[in-house]
Amino acid sequence: MKLTPSDFGGALAVEGYGPGFFRIGRTVMQGAVLVTAGEADAWGGLDDRAALLALGGRIDVLFLGMGADVAHAPADLVAALREIGIAVESMSSPTAARSYNVTVAEGRRVACALLPL
């Protein structure tokens, strides 16, 4: 699905997604991804906690896309991120991508970690 373009003030946006991929800043990335205003990287999924914890001090909110369906994030992961000042919002990956796009366009310190559909 292609998302509606907008002005993101130079920040990377999630421009589209489909089975197994995300299009970020006109680059197609396969598998899970971690996106901040300035970079998009492959992400090892829920077991790759180090990548999420490294966001401490850089973001205030993490939109965690759990794939095609809404699911709860592991409680210990949420607790670890809250300890370093990051609020976590779990939702489906399409909803997380749209939420990230809206809030990063507002200039807020956010990221999204997206599991593929």
Protein backbone atom coordinates (compact mmCIF):
# COMPACT_ATOMS: atom_id res chain seq x y z
CA MET A 1 0.00 0.00 0.00
CA LYS A 2 1.26 3.48 -0.81
CA LEU A 3 0.87 6.14 1.87
CA THR A 4 -0.13 9.69 1.01
CA PRO A 5 2.91 11.96 0.58
CA SER A 6 3.34 14.94 2.86
CA ASP A 7 6.01 17.39 3.94
CA PHE A 8 8.20 15.66 6.48
CA GLY A 9 10.66 18.50 6.98
CA GLY A 10 13.59 16.41 5.74
CA ALA A 11 12.75 13.45 8.00
CA LEU A 12 12.48 9.97 6.55
CA ALA A 13 8.94 8.76 6.05
CA VAL A 14 7.42 5.34 5.55
CA GLU A 15 6.08 5.74 2.02
CA GLY A 16 4.55 2.32 1.54
CA TYR A 17 4.47 -1.31 2.60
CA GLY A 18 3.39 -4.74 1.46
CA PRO A 19 3.97 -8.40 2.20
CA GLY A 20 7.48 -8.59 3.67
CA PHE A 21 8.68 -5.08 2.76
CA PHE A 22 8.56 -1.38 3.61
CA ARG A 23 9.40 1.57 1.34
CA ILE A 24 11.21 4.24 3.32
CA GLY A 25 12.59 7.37 1.72
CA ARG A 26 12.12 5.78 -1.72
CA THR A 27 14.18 2.73 -0.71
CA VAL A 28 12.56 -0.69 -0.46
CA MET A 29 13.67 -2.62 2.60
CA GLN A 30 12.85 -6.28 3.15
CA GLY A 31 11.90 -7.62 6.58
CA ALA A 32 11.70 -5.76 9.88
CA VAL A 33 12.89 -2.14 9.97
CA LEU A 34 13.73 0.53 12.52
CA VAL A 35 13.05 4.08 11.32
CA THR A 36 14.01 7.39 12.91
CA ALA A 37 13.82 10.86 11.41
CA GLY A 38 17.38 10.51 10.10
CA GLU A 39 17.86 6.84 9.25
CA ALA A 40 16.26 3.53 8.42
CA ASP A 41 17.96 0.25 9.20
CA ALA A 42 17.18 -3.42 9.11
CA TRP A 43 16.00 -4.53 12.53
CA GLY A 44 16.30 -8.00 14.05
CA GLY A 45 12.76 -7.95 15.44
CA LEU A 46 11.66 -8.25 19.03
CA ASP A 47 14.83 -10.15 19.95
CA ASP A 48 16.96 -7.16 18.82
CA ARG A 49 16.46 -5.11 21.96
CA ALA A 50 19.87 -3.46 21.77
CA ALA A 51 18.83 -1.46 18.70
CA LEU A 52 15.76 -0.16 20.52
CA LEU A 53 17.60 0.59 23.76
CA ALA A 54 20.21 2.55 21.75
CA LEU A 55 17.44 5.07 20.99
CA GLY A 56 17.50 6.26 24.61
CA GLY A 57 17.92 10.03 24.77
CA ARG A 58 17.18 10.37 21.04
CA ILE A 59 13.42 9.75 21.00
CA ASP A 60 10.44 10.08 23.33
CA VAL A 61 8.00 7.67 21.67
CA LEU A 62 8.45 4.37 19.84
CA PHE A 63 5.62 3.16 17.63
CA LEU A 64 6.02 -0.61 17.64
CA GLY A 65 4.40 -2.29 14.65
CA MET A 66 3.62 -5.90 15.50
CA GLY A 67 2.90 -7.05 11.93
CA ALA A 68 -0.49 -7.34 10.29
CA ASP A 69 -2.43 -7.57 13.55
CA VAL A 70 -2.48 -5.69 16.82
CA ALA A 71 -0.53 -7.49 19.53
CA HIS A 72 0.99 -6.58 22.86
CA ALA A 73 4.72 -5.94 23.06
CA PRO A 74 6.64 -8.07 25.55
CA ALA A 75 6.14 -6.48 28.98
CA ASP A 76 9.84 -6.66 29.86
CA LEU A 77 10.77 -4.82 26.66
CA VAL A 78 8.23 -2.08 27.36
CA ALA A 79 9.54 -1.77 30.94
CA ALA A 80 13.17 -1.53 29.77
CA LEU A 81 12.30 1.20 27.27
CA ARG A 82 10.24 3.13 29.82
CA GLU A 83 13.20 3.04 32.22
CA ILE A 84 15.24 5.01 29.69
CA GLY A 85 12.44 7.48 28.95
CA ILE A 86 10.84 5.96 25.86
CA ALA A 87 7.08 5.48 25.75
CA VAL A 88 5.98 2.49 23.67
CA GLU A 89 2.79 2.29 21.63
CA SER A 90 2.10 -1.19 20.21
CA MET A 91 -0.15 -1.49 17.18
CA SER A 92 -0.28 -3.11 13.77
CA SER A 93 2.61 -2.18 11.48
CA PRO A 94 0.44 -0.19 9.03
CA THR A 95 -0.97 1.87 11.91
CA ALA A 96 2.50 2.33 13.42
CA ALA A 97 3.86 3.57 10.08
CA ARG A 98 1.05 6.11 9.69
CA SER A 99 1.37 7.26 13.33
CA TYR A 100 5.11 7.69 12.91
CA ASN A 101 4.64 9.71 9.71
CA VAL A 102 2.18 12.09 11.35
CA THR A 103 4.26 12.70 14.47
CA VAL A 104 7.63 12.98 12.73
CA ALA A 105 6.07 15.55 10.39
CA GLU A 106 5.21 17.56 13.52
CA GLY A 107 8.89 17.59 14.41
CA ARG A 108 8.52 15.27 17.39
CA ARG A 109 11.23 12.85 18.58
CA VAL A 110 9.75 9.54 17.46
CA ALA A 111 10.76 6.29 15.83
CA CYS A 112 8.98 3.23 14.54
CA ALA A 113 10.06 -0.39 14.69
CA LEU A 114 8.05 -2.39 12.19
CA LEU A 115 7.62 -6.14 11.85
CA PRO A 116 6.69 -7.17 8.31
CA LEU A 117 3.17 -8.07 7.24
